[in-house]
Amino acid sequence: MKVLSFIDHEFEDLEFWYPILRLREDGHTVVIAGPEKGVTYAGKYGVPANSDVSYADVNSADYDALLVPGGWAPDKIRRSAKVIQIVQEMHAANKVIGQICHAGWVLISAKILSGYKVTSTPGIKDDMENAGSIWYDTPAMVDRNIVSAQRPPDLPEYMKLFIQTLNAQK
């Protein structure tokens, strides 16, 4: 299956790379979308990643799932009207959307969390609840098409749930 991952500067290195590597190990294709195509973006700890496409070039119909990394990047990512459109279209099509840590900010800005059971870093718990979600203090969870997790130590459980949810759509 084909998975889209967003990127911008100051992504959380593990929360970006671990999901991509796990999905590739599982045989999925991952395409990285950033504000600009072919740009190297630096993670919070300096690990680089290159964008394959720009947000503007993404057609949500071409993808089966979406990953939003944490770190400080989500606060930048959510400012793109095209990103919000992609998230809303993928959500409306019931495609799997994964978010970890601060990535919930992107889903909040897309206004898709109302009535969903989610988790995130506790630091944005109030933001998640104010967006209408029901927040749980748990490492990782799934509610319908949204897979959420709290922090880097929760990555193994997060990706287990994400891959199970994605593979169930085949």
Protein backbone atom coordinates (compact mmCIF):
# COMPACT_ATOMS: atom_id res chain seq x y z
CA MET A 1 0.00 0.00 0.00
CA LYS A 2 1.07 3.60 -0.49
CA VAL A 3 1.51 5.83 2.58
CA LEU A 4 2.07 9.58 2.67
CA SER A 5 4.21 11.11 5.42
CA PHE A 6 4.38 14.83 6.07
CA ILE A 7 7.63 16.58 6.95
CA ASP A 8 8.94 19.99 7.92
CA HIS A 9 11.93 21.21 9.91
CA GLU A 10 12.22 20.10 13.55
CA PHE A 11 10.29 16.85 13.17
CA GLU A 12 10.93 14.42 16.02
CA ASP A 13 13.57 12.17 14.47
CA LEU A 14 12.37 8.82 15.87
CA GLU A 15 8.69 9.64 15.37
CA PHE A 16 9.42 10.34 11.70
CA TRP A 17 11.91 7.61 10.77
CA TYR A 18 10.72 4.65 12.86
CA PRO A 19 7.25 4.52 11.23
CA ILE A 20 8.68 4.93 7.73
CA LEU A 21 11.23 2.15 8.24
CA ARG A 22 8.65 -0.20 9.78
CA LEU A 23 6.23 0.38 6.89
CA ARG A 24 8.96 -0.21 4.32
CA GLU A 25 9.94 -3.41 6.14
CA ASP A 26 6.32 -4.49 5.87
CA GLY A 27 6.39 -3.93 2.10
CA HIS A 28 4.56 -0.60 1.90
CA THR A 29 5.68 2.40 -0.16
CA VAL A 30 6.17 5.63 1.77
CA VAL A 31 6.25 9.02 0.03
CA ILE A 32 7.51 12.04 1.98
CA ALA A 33 5.73 15.35 1.38
CA GLY A 34 7.10 18.70 2.51
CA PRO A 35 6.47 22.35 1.76
CA GLU A 36 8.86 21.96 -1.18
CA LYS A 37 9.95 18.96 -3.26
CA GLY A 38 13.57 17.81 -3.05
CA VAL A 39 14.45 19.75 0.08
CA THR A 40 16.42 18.33 3.01
CA TYR A 41 14.62 18.92 6.30
CA ALA A 42 16.40 18.59 9.63
CA GLY A 43 14.95 16.78 12.61
CA LYS A 44 15.11 18.11 16.18
CA TYR A 45 18.28 16.08 16.75
CA GLY A 46 19.79 16.77 13.33
CA VAL A 47 18.81 13.65 11.40
CA PRO A 48 18.00 14.75 7.84
CA ALA A 49 15.21 13.63 5.52
CA ASN A 50 14.40 14.63 1.96
CA SER A 51 10.96 15.41 0.62
CA ASP A 52 9.88 13.38 -2.41
CA VAL A 53 7.03 15.73 -3.31
CA SER A 54 5.62 19.08 -2.25
CA TYR A 55 2.31 19.36 -0.44
CA ALA A 56 0.95 21.12 -3.54
CA ASP A 57 1.67 18.06 -5.69
CA VAL A 58 -0.16 15.57 -3.48
CA ASN A 59 -3.40 13.99 -4.64
CA SER A 60 -4.90 12.32 -1.58
CA ALA A 61 -6.64 9.73 -3.79
CA ASP A 62 -3.19 8.29 -4.62
CA TYR A 63 -2.56 7.21 -1.00
CA ASP A 64 -3.95 4.58 1.34
CA ALA A 65 -2.81 6.16 4.60
CA LEU A 66 -1.17 9.19 6.19
CA LEU A 67 1.51 9.60 8.85
CA VAL A 68 2.03 12.83 10.76
CA PRO A 69 5.25 12.95 12.80
CA GLY A 70 5.60 14.77 16.09
CA GLY A 71 8.17 17.27 17.26
CA TRP A 72 7.78 20.94 16.49
CA ALA A 73 7.12 20.27 12.79
CA PRO A 74 3.33 19.79 13.24
CA ASP A 75 2.96 23.43 14.25
CA LYS A 76 4.48 24.37 10.87
CA ILE A 77 2.78 21.62 8.85
CA ARG A 78 -0.72 22.61 9.96
CA ARG A 79 -0.32 26.12 8.57
CA SER A 80 -0.57 24.80 5.00
CA ALA A 81 -4.08 24.98 3.52
CA LYS A 82 -3.11 22.11 1.19
CA VAL A 83 -2.14 19.92 4.17
CA ILE A 84 -5.50 20.61 5.83
CA GLN A 85 -7.26 19.69 2.58
CA ILE A 86 -5.27 16.43 2.29
CA VAL A 87 -6.05 15.44 5.89
CA GLN A 88 -9.75 16.23 5.47
CA GLU A 89 -9.98 14.30 2.19
CA MET A 90 -8.19 11.27 3.57
CA HIS A 91 -10.36 11.32 6.68
CA ALA A 92 -13.55 11.61 4.59
CA ALA A 93 -12.36 8.59 2.57
CA ASN A 94 -11.83 6.66 5.85
CA LYS A 95 -8.11 6.22 5.17
CA VAL A 96 -5.79 5.40 8.07
CA ILE A 97 -4.29 8.49 9.70
CA GLY A 98 -1.47 8.08 12.20
CA GLN A 99 -0.42 10.78 14.64
CA ILE A 100 2.05 10.74 17.50
CA CYS A 101 3.02 13.23 20.18
CA HIS A 102 2.40 16.81 18.92
CA ALA A 103 1.10 15.58 15.53
CA GLY A 104 -2.40 15.93 16.93
CA TRP A 105 -2.11 19.65 16.19
CA VAL A 106 -2.45 18.88 12.47
CA LEU A 107 -5.64 16.85 13.03
CA ILE A 108 -6.98 19.61 15.29
CA SER A 109 -6.45 22.20 12.56
CA ALA A 110 -8.17 19.89 10.06
CA LYS A 111 -11.15 19.71 12.43
CA ILE A 112 -11.49 15.91 12.23
CA LEU A 113 -11.20 14.87 15.89
CA SER A 114 -14.71 15.48 17.19
CA GLY A 115 -15.97 12.35 18.93
CA TYR A 116 -12.75 10.35 18.40
CA LYS A 117 -10.93 8.54 21.18
CA VAL A 118 -7.26 9.52 20.95
CA THR A 119 -4.02 9.93 22.79
CA SER A 120 -1.09 12.32 22.33
CA THR A 121 1.65 13.82 24.38
CA PRO A 122 -0.03 15.01 27.59
CA GLY A 123 1.23 18.50 26.75
CA ILE A 124 -1.51 18.93 24.14
CA LYS A 125 -4.25 17.03 25.99
CA ASP A 126 -6.30 20.22 26.44
CA ASP A 127 -5.92 21.08 22.75
CA MET A 128 -7.12 17.60 21.77
CA GLU A 129 -10.12 17.78 24.12
CA ASN A 130 -11.00 21.31 23.02
CA ALA A 131 -11.12 19.93 19.45
CA GLY A 132 -13.84 17.53 20.59
CA SER A 133 -11.86 14.33 21.05
CA ILE A 134 -11.93 12.06 24.08
CA TRP A 135 -8.34 11.92 25.32
CA TYR A 136 -6.85 8.84 27.00
CA ASP A 137 -3.60 8.55 28.93
CA THR A 138 -2.45 5.41 27.13
CA PRO A 139 0.64 4.69 25.01
CA ALA A 140 -1.20 4.03 21.72
CA MET A 141 -4.72 3.39 20.51
CA VAL A 142 -7.03 3.12 17.49
CA ASP A 143 -10.47 4.61 16.98
CA ARG A 144 -11.89 3.83 13.56
CA ASN A 145 -9.35 5.23 11.07
CA ILE A 146 -7.21 7.26 13.49
CA VAL A 147 -4.21 5.64 15.16
CA SER A 148 -2.59 7.74 17.87
CA ALA A 149 0.35 7.48 20.26
CA GLN A 150 2.01 9.52 22.98
CA ARG A 151 5.81 9.46 22.73
CA PRO A 152 8.88 7.80 21.16
CA PRO A 153 8.90 4.89 23.68
CA ASP A 154 5.40 4.04 22.37
CA LEU A 155 6.52 3.65 18.75
CA PRO A 156 6.51 -0.19 18.71
CA GLU A 157 2.88 -0.36 19.91
CA TYR A 158 1.89 2.57 17.66
CA MET A 159 3.27 0.96 14.54
CA LYS A 160 1.86 -2.46 15.42
CA LEU A 161 -1.60 -0.85 15.58
CA PHE A 162 -1.03 1.31 12.49
CA ILE A 163 0.10 -1.64 10.35
CA GLN A 164 -2.76 -3.84 11.59
CA THR A 165 -5.28 -1.10 10.77
CA LEU A 166 -3.69 -0.44 7.37
CA ASN A 167 -3.53 -4.14 6.44
CA ALA A 168 -7.18 -4.59 7.43
CA GLN A 169 -8.08 -2.19 4.60
CA LYS A 170 -6.58 -4.42 1.91
